[in-house]
Amino acid sequence: MTITVNGEPLGIEGEVSVADVVTRLGLPDRGIAVAVDGAVVPRGRWGGHTVTSGAVVEIVTAVQGG
């Protein structure tokens, strides 16, 4: 199946969770926020939140500034 991550298509096989997507992309599990189809997924639910075919996933990194 294919999902879209930050505007780019990503082919994945089988059922995956938000945590699986973050791991596959080599991202840290801290300092980022993930939304699936426009809804933010709390970090504590990443492992249980299934990403379905055609889902749009947005991953943003927290940046300090001033």
PDB file of N, CA and C in Angstrom:
ATOM      1  N   MET A   1       0.837  -1.170   0.000  1.00  0.00           N
ATOM      2  CA  MET A   1       0.000   0.000   0.000  1.00  0.00           C
ATOM      3  C   MET A   1       0.884   1.235   0.000  1.00  0.00           C
ATOM      4  N   THR A   2       0.273   2.352  -0.303  1.00  0.00           N
ATOM      5  CA  THR A   2       1.010   3.609  -0.349  1.00  0.00           C
ATOM      6  C   THR A   2       0.363   4.619   0.586  1.00  0.00           C
ATOM      7  N   ILE A   3       1.218   5.313   1.329  1.00  0.00           N
ATOM      8  CA  ILE A   3       0.772   6.431   2.143  1.00  0.00           C
ATOM      9  C   ILE A   3       1.574   7.650   1.695  1.00  0.00           C
ATOM     10  N   THR A   4       1.167   8.811   2.136  1.00  0.00           N
ATOM     11  CA  THR A   4       1.904  10.032   1.824  1.00  0.00           C
ATOM     12  C   THR A   4       2.476  10.580   3.126  1.00  0.00           C
ATOM     13  N   VAL A   5       3.790  10.797   3.131  1.00  0.00           N
ATOM     14  CA  VAL A   5       4.457  11.337   4.314  1.00  0.00           C
ATOM     15  C   VAL A   5       5.105  12.662   3.927  1.00  0.00           C
ATOM     16  N   ASN A   6       4.632  13.724   4.545  1.00  0.00           N
ATOM     17  CA  ASN A   6       5.143  15.071   4.254  1.00  0.00           C
ATOM     18  C   ASN A   6       5.173  15.345   2.755  1.00  0.00           C
ATOM     19  N   GLY A   7       4.109  14.951   2.079  1.00  0.00           N
ATOM     20  CA  GLY A   7       3.961  15.233   0.652  1.00  0.00           C
ATOM     21  C   GLY A   7       4.617  14.250  -0.288  1.00  0.00           C
ATOM     22  N   GLU A   8       5.317  13.256   0.235  1.00  0.00           N
ATOM     23  CA  GLU A   8       6.016  12.273  -0.600  1.00  0.00           C
ATOM     24  C   GLU A   8       5.377  10.896  -0.439  1.00  0.00           C
ATOM     25  N   PRO A   9       5.151  10.193  -1.549  1.00  0.00           N
ATOM     26  CA  PRO A   9       4.589   8.843  -1.434  1.00  0.00           C
ATOM     27  C   PRO A   9       5.581   7.880  -0.787  1.00  0.00           C
ATOM     28  N   LEU A  10       5.055   6.972   0.020  1.00  0.00           N
ATOM     29  CA  LEU A  10       5.878   5.961   0.679  1.00  0.00           C
ATOM     30  C   LEU A  10       5.158   4.624   0.569  1.00  0.00           C
ATOM     31  N   GLY A  11       5.797   3.672  -0.097  1.00  0.00           N
ATOM     32  CA  GLY A  11       5.235   2.336  -0.222  1.00  0.00           C
ATOM     33  C   GLY A  11       5.581   1.508   1.004  1.00  0.00           C
ATOM     34  N   ILE A  12       4.564   0.881   1.593  1.00  0.00           N
ATOM     35  CA  ILE A  12       4.777   0.038   2.756  1.00  0.00           C
ATOM     36  C   ILE A  12       3.995  -1.252   2.580  1.00  0.00           C
ATOM     37  N   GLU A  13       4.442  -2.290   3.243  1.00  0.00           N
ATOM     38  CA  GLU A  13       3.783  -3.583   3.138  1.00  0.00           C
ATOM     39  C   GLU A  13       3.108  -3.931   4.450  1.00  0.00           C
ATOM     40  N   GLY A  14       1.901  -4.413   4.356  1.00  0.00           N
ATOM     41  CA  GLY A  14       1.186  -4.867   5.539  1.00  0.00           C
ATOM     42  C   GLY A  14       0.683  -3.730   6.395  1.00  0.00           C
ATOM     43  N   GLU A  15       0.137  -4.107   7.533  1.00  0.00           N
ATOM     44  CA  GLU A  15      -0.406  -3.135   8.478  1.00  0.00           C
ATOM     45  C   GLU A  15       0.731  -2.515   9.273  1.00  0.00           C
ATOM     46  N   VAL A  16       0.733  -1.187   9.353  1.00  0.00           N
ATOM     47  CA  VAL A  16       1.781  -0.501  10.108  1.00  0.00           C
ATOM     48  C   VAL A  16       1.150   0.516  11.054  1.00  0.00           C
ATOM     49  N   SER A  17       1.877   0.807  12.101  1.00  0.00           N
ATOM     50  CA  SER A  17       1.443   1.818  13.064  1.00  0.00           C
ATOM     51  C   SER A  17       2.222   3.105  12.823  1.00  0.00           C
ATOM     52  N   VAL A  18       1.805   4.156  13.482  1.00  0.00           N
ATOM     53  CA  VAL A  18       2.554   5.411  13.421  1.00  0.00           C
ATOM     54  C   VAL A  18       3.984   5.173  13.900  1.00  0.00           C
ATOM     55  N   ALA A  19       4.155   4.408  14.969  1.00  0.00           N
ATOM     56  CA  ALA A  19       5.495   4.103  15.481  1.00  0.00           C
ATOM     57  C   ALA A  19       6.337   3.404  14.422  1.00  0.00           C
ATOM     58  N   ASP A  20       5.732   2.485  13.655  1.00  0.00           N
ATOM     59  CA  ASP A  20       6.456   1.792  12.590  1.00  0.00           C
ATOM     60  C   ASP A  20       6.932   2.773  11.519  1.00  0.00           C
ATOM     61  N   VAL A  21       6.086   3.719  11.156  1.00  0.00           N
ATOM     62  CA  VAL A  21       6.446   4.709  10.136  1.00  0.00           C
ATOM     63  C   VAL A  21       7.596   5.577  10.631  1.00  0.00           C
ATOM     64  N   VAL A  22       7.523   6.036  11.872  1.00  0.00           N
ATOM     65  CA  VAL A  22       8.583   6.867  12.446  1.00  0.00           C
ATOM     66  C   VAL A  22       9.900   6.093  12.459  1.00  0.00           C
ATOM     67  N   THR A  23       9.855   4.844  12.869  1.00  0.00           N
ATOM     68  CA  THR A  23      11.057   4.007  12.904  1.00  0.00           C
ATOM     69  C   THR A  23      11.611   3.782  11.507  1.00  0.00           C
ATOM     70  N   ARG A  24      10.741   3.464  10.565  1.00  0.00           N
ATOM     71  CA  ARG A  24      11.173   3.210   9.187  1.00  0.00           C
ATOM     72  C   ARG A  24      11.880   4.420   8.588  1.00  0.00           C
ATOM     73  N   LEU A  25      11.429   5.610   8.955  1.00  0.00           N
ATOM     74  CA  LEU A  25      12.037   6.832   8.436  1.00  0.00           C
ATOM     75  C   LEU A  25      13.299   7.231   9.208  1.00  0.00           C
ATOM     76  N   GLY A  26      13.625   6.485  10.266  1.00  0.00           N
ATOM     77  CA  GLY A  26      14.835   6.763  11.038  1.00  0.00           C
ATOM     78  C   GLY A  26      14.737   8.010  11.890  1.00  0.00           C
ATOM     79  N   LEU A  27      13.517   8.356  12.279  1.00  0.00           N
ATOM     80  CA  LEU A  27      13.315   9.564  13.079  1.00  0.00           C
ATOM     81  C   LEU A  27      13.359   9.244  14.569  1.00  0.00           C
ATOM     82  N   PRO A  28      13.720  10.239  15.375  1.00  0.00           N
ATOM     83  CA  PRO A  28      13.708  10.027  16.823  1.00  0.00           C
ATOM     84  C   PRO A  28      12.266   9.971  17.318  1.00  0.00           C
ATOM     85  N   ASP A  29      12.062   9.393  18.478  1.00  0.00           N
ATOM     86  CA  ASP A  29      10.707   9.348  19.013  1.00  0.00           C
ATOM     87  C   ASP A  29      10.405  10.539  19.921  1.00  0.00           C
ATOM     88  N   ARG A  30      11.324  11.451  20.024  1.00  0.00           N
ATOM     89  CA  ARG A  30      11.139  12.669  20.817  1.00  0.00           C
ATOM     90  C   ARG A  30      11.373  13.878  19.918  1.00  0.00           C
ATOM     91  N   GLY A  31      10.701  14.973  20.248  1.00  0.00           N
ATOM     92  CA  GLY A  31      10.922  16.209  19.506  1.00  0.00           C
ATOM     93  C   GLY A  31      10.188  16.285  18.185  1.00  0.00           C
ATOM     94  N   ILE A  32       9.264  15.358  17.940  1.00  0.00           N
ATOM     95  CA  ILE A  32       8.470  15.396  16.717  1.00  0.00           C
ATOM     96  C   ILE A  32       6.998  15.218  17.068  1.00  0.00           C
ATOM     97  N   ALA A  33       6.158  15.686  16.164  1.00  0.00           N
ATOM     98  CA  ALA A  33       4.717  15.489  16.290  1.00  0.00           C
ATOM     99  C   ALA A  33       4.236  14.839  15.005  1.00  0.00           C
ATOM    100  N   VAL A  34       3.226  13.979  15.125  1.00  0.00           N
ATOM    101  CA  VAL A  34       2.711  13.257  13.968  1.00  0.00           C
ATOM    102  C   VAL A  34       1.206  13.460  13.874  1.00  0.00           C
ATOM    103  N   ALA A  35       0.755  13.786  12.666  1.00  0.00           N
ATOM    104  CA  ALA A  35      -0.678  13.870  12.384  1.00  0.00           C
ATOM    105  C   ALA A  35      -0.994  12.898  11.256  1.00  0.00           C
ATOM    106  N   VAL A  36      -2.119  12.213  11.381  1.00  0.00           N
ATOM    107  CA  VAL A  36      -2.585  11.295  10.337  1.00  0.00           C
ATOM    108  C   VAL A  36      -3.942  11.801   9.872  1.00  0.00           C
ATOM    109  N   ASP A  37      -4.029  12.080   8.581  1.00  0.00           N
ATOM    110  CA  ASP A  37      -5.259  12.609   7.989  1.00  0.00           C
ATOM    111  C   ASP A  37      -5.783  13.826   8.753  1.00  0.00           C
ATOM    112  N   GLY A  38      -4.849  14.700   9.152  1.00  0.00           N
ATOM    113  CA  GLY A  38      -5.203  15.963   9.780  1.00  0.00           C
ATOM    114  C   GLY A  38      -5.417  15.924  11.280  1.00  0.00           C
ATOM    115  N   ALA A  39      -5.328  14.754  11.895  1.00  0.00           N
ATOM    116  CA  ALA A  39      -5.534  14.640  13.339  1.00  0.00           C
ATOM    117  C   ALA A  39      -4.221  14.260  14.024  1.00  0.00           C
ATOM    118  N   VAL A  40      -3.818  15.056  15.009  1.00  0.00           N
ATOM    119  CA  VAL A  40      -2.587  14.761  15.751  1.00  0.00           C
ATOM    120  C   VAL A  40      -2.774  13.461  16.526  1.00  0.00           C
ATOM    121  N   VAL A  41      -1.754  12.609  16.451  1.00  0.00           N
ATOM    122  CA  VAL A  41      -1.762  11.343  17.186  1.00  0.00           C
ATOM    123  C   VAL A  41      -0.830  11.503  18.383  1.00  0.00           C
ATOM    124  N   PRO A  42      -1.348  11.459  19.607  1.00  0.00           N
ATOM    125  CA  PRO A  42      -0.486  11.584  20.789  1.00  0.00           C
ATOM    126  C   PRO A  42       0.584  10.483  20.810  1.00  0.00           C
ATOM    127  N   ARG A  43       1.762  10.842  21.252  1.00  0.00           N
ATOM    128  CA  ARG A  43       2.895   9.904  21.267  1.00  0.00           C
ATOM    129  C   ARG A  43       2.543   8.587  21.945  1.00  0.00           C
ATOM    130  N   GLY A  44       1.784   8.623  22.995  1.00  0.00           N
ATOM    131  CA  GLY A  44       1.403   7.411  23.712  1.00  0.00           C
ATOM    132  C   GLY A  44       0.526   6.465  22.905  1.00  0.00           C
ATOM    133  N   ARG A  45      -0.028   6.944  21.805  1.00  0.00           N
ATOM    134  CA  ARG A  45      -0.891   6.106  20.958  1.00  0.00           C
ATOM    135  C   ARG A  45      -0.241   5.699  19.637  1.00  0.00           C
ATOM    136  N   TRP A  46       1.007   6.083  19.416  1.00  0.00           N
ATOM    137  CA  TRP A  46       1.676   5.766  18.156  1.00  0.00           C
ATOM    138  C   TRP A  46       1.682   4.274  17.869  1.00  0.00           C
ATOM    139  N   GLY A  47       1.960   3.461  18.872  1.00  0.00           N
ATOM    140  CA  GLY A  47       2.055   2.013  18.667  1.00  0.00           C
ATOM    141  C   GLY A  47       0.738   1.362  18.303  1.00  0.00           C
ATOM    142  N   GLY A  48      -0.368   1.947  18.729  1.00  0.00           N
ATOM    143  CA  GLY A  48      -1.668   1.351  18.482  1.00  0.00           C
ATOM    144  C   GLY A  48      -2.470   2.015  17.383  1.00  0.00           C
ATOM    145  N   HIS A  49      -1.937   3.096  16.810  1.00  0.00           N
ATOM    146  CA  HIS A  49      -2.662   3.818  15.764  1.00  0.00           C
ATOM    147  C   HIS A  49      -2.236   3.277  14.398  1.00  0.00           C
ATOM    148  N   THR A  50      -3.130   2.563  13.753  1.00  0.00           N
ATOM    149  CA  THR A  50      -2.836   1.951  12.453  1.00  0.00           C
ATOM    150  C   THR A  50      -2.938   2.989  11.337  1.00  0.00           C
ATOM    151  N   VAL A  51      -1.960   2.955  10.448  1.00  0.00           N
ATOM    152  CA  VAL A  51      -1.954   3.825   9.280  1.00  0.00           C
ATOM    153  C   VAL A  51      -2.497   3.002   8.112  1.00  0.00           C
ATOM    154  N   THR A  52      -3.562   3.492   7.487  1.00  0.00           N
ATOM    155  CA  THR A  52      -4.214   2.751   6.408  1.00  0.00           C
ATOM    156  C   THR A  52      -3.757   3.245   5.045  1.00  0.00           C
ATOM    157  N   SER A  53      -4.010   2.445   4.039  1.00  0.00           N
ATOM    158  CA  SER A  53      -3.654   2.794   2.667  1.00  0.00           C
ATOM    159  C   SER A  53      -4.273   4.128   2.287  1.00  0.00           C
ATOM    160  N   GLY A  54      -3.471   4.985   1.679  1.00  0.00           N
ATOM    161  CA  GLY A  54      -3.936   6.289   1.252  1.00  0.00           C
ATOM    162  C   GLY A  54      -3.860   7.365   2.319  1.00  0.00           C
ATOM    163  N   ALA A  55      -3.430   7.006   3.522  1.00  0.00           N
ATOM    164  CA  ALA A  55      -3.351   7.978   4.618  1.00  0.00           C
ATOM    165  C   ALA A  55      -2.339   9.073   4.290  1.00  0.00           C
ATOM    166  N   VAL A  56      -2.622  10.253   4.806  1.00  0.00           N
ATOM    167  CA  VAL A  56      -1.696  11.373   4.678  1.00  0.00           C
ATOM    168  C   VAL A  56      -1.105  11.616   6.066  1.00  0.00           C
ATOM    169  N   VAL A  57       0.208  11.444   6.166  1.00  0.00           N
ATOM    170  CA  VAL A  57       0.917  11.573   7.432  1.00  0.00           C
ATOM    171  C   VAL A  57       1.806  12.814   7.352  1.00  0.00           C
ATOM    172  N   GLU A  58       1.694  13.653   8.345  1.00  0.00           N
ATOM    173  CA  GLU A  58       2.558  14.833   8.450  1.00  0.00           C
ATOM    174  C   GLU A  58       3.384  14.696   9.711  1.00  0.00           C
ATOM    175  N   ILE A  59       4.694  14.852   9.558  1.00  0.00           N
ATOM    176  CA  ILE A  59       5.615  14.757  10.690  1.00  0.00           C
ATOM    177  C   ILE A  59       6.366  16.079  10.765  1.00  0.00           C
ATOM    178  N   VAL A  60       6.301  16.712  11.920  1.00  0.00           N
ATOM    179  CA  VAL A  60       6.989  17.976  12.100  1.00  0.00           C
ATOM    180  C   VAL A  60       7.950  17.866  13.281  1.00  0.00           C
ATOM    181  N   THR A  61       9.030  18.620  13.185  1.00  0.00           N
ATOM    182  CA  THR A  61      10.055  18.639  14.217  1.00  0.00           C
ATOM    183  C   THR A  61       9.927  19.915  15.032  1.00  0.00           C
ATOM    184  N   ALA A  62      10.025  19.776  16.331  1.00  0.00           N
ATOM    185  CA  ALA A  62      10.002  20.943  17.202  1.00  0.00           C
ATOM    186  C   ALA A  62      11.332  21.678  17.065  1.00  0.00           C
ATOM    187  N   VAL A  63      11.264  22.989  16.903  1.00  0.00           N
ATOM    188  CA  VAL A  63      12.463  23.807  16.758  1.00  0.00           C
ATOM    189  C   VAL A  63      12.388  24.944  17.765  1.00  0.00           C
ATOM    190  N   GLN A  64      13.494  25.138  18.492  1.00  0.00           N
ATOM    191  CA  GLN A  64      13.543  26.254  19.433  1.00  0.00           C
ATOM    192  C   GLN A  64      13.908  27.512  18.680  1.00  0.00           C
ATOM    193  N   GLY A  65      13.394  28.583  19.131  1.00  0.00           N
ATOM    194  CA  GLY A  65      13.714  29.854  18.504  1.00  0.00           C
ATOM    195  C   GLY A  65      13.383  30.979  19.440  1.00  0.00           C
ATOM    196  N   GLY A  66      13.635  32.151  18.979  1.00  0.00           N
ATOM    197  CA  GLY A  66      13.332  33.254  19.868  1.00  0.00           C
ATOM    198  C   GLY A  66      13.276  34.551  19.196  1.00  0.00           C
TER     199      GLY A  66
END
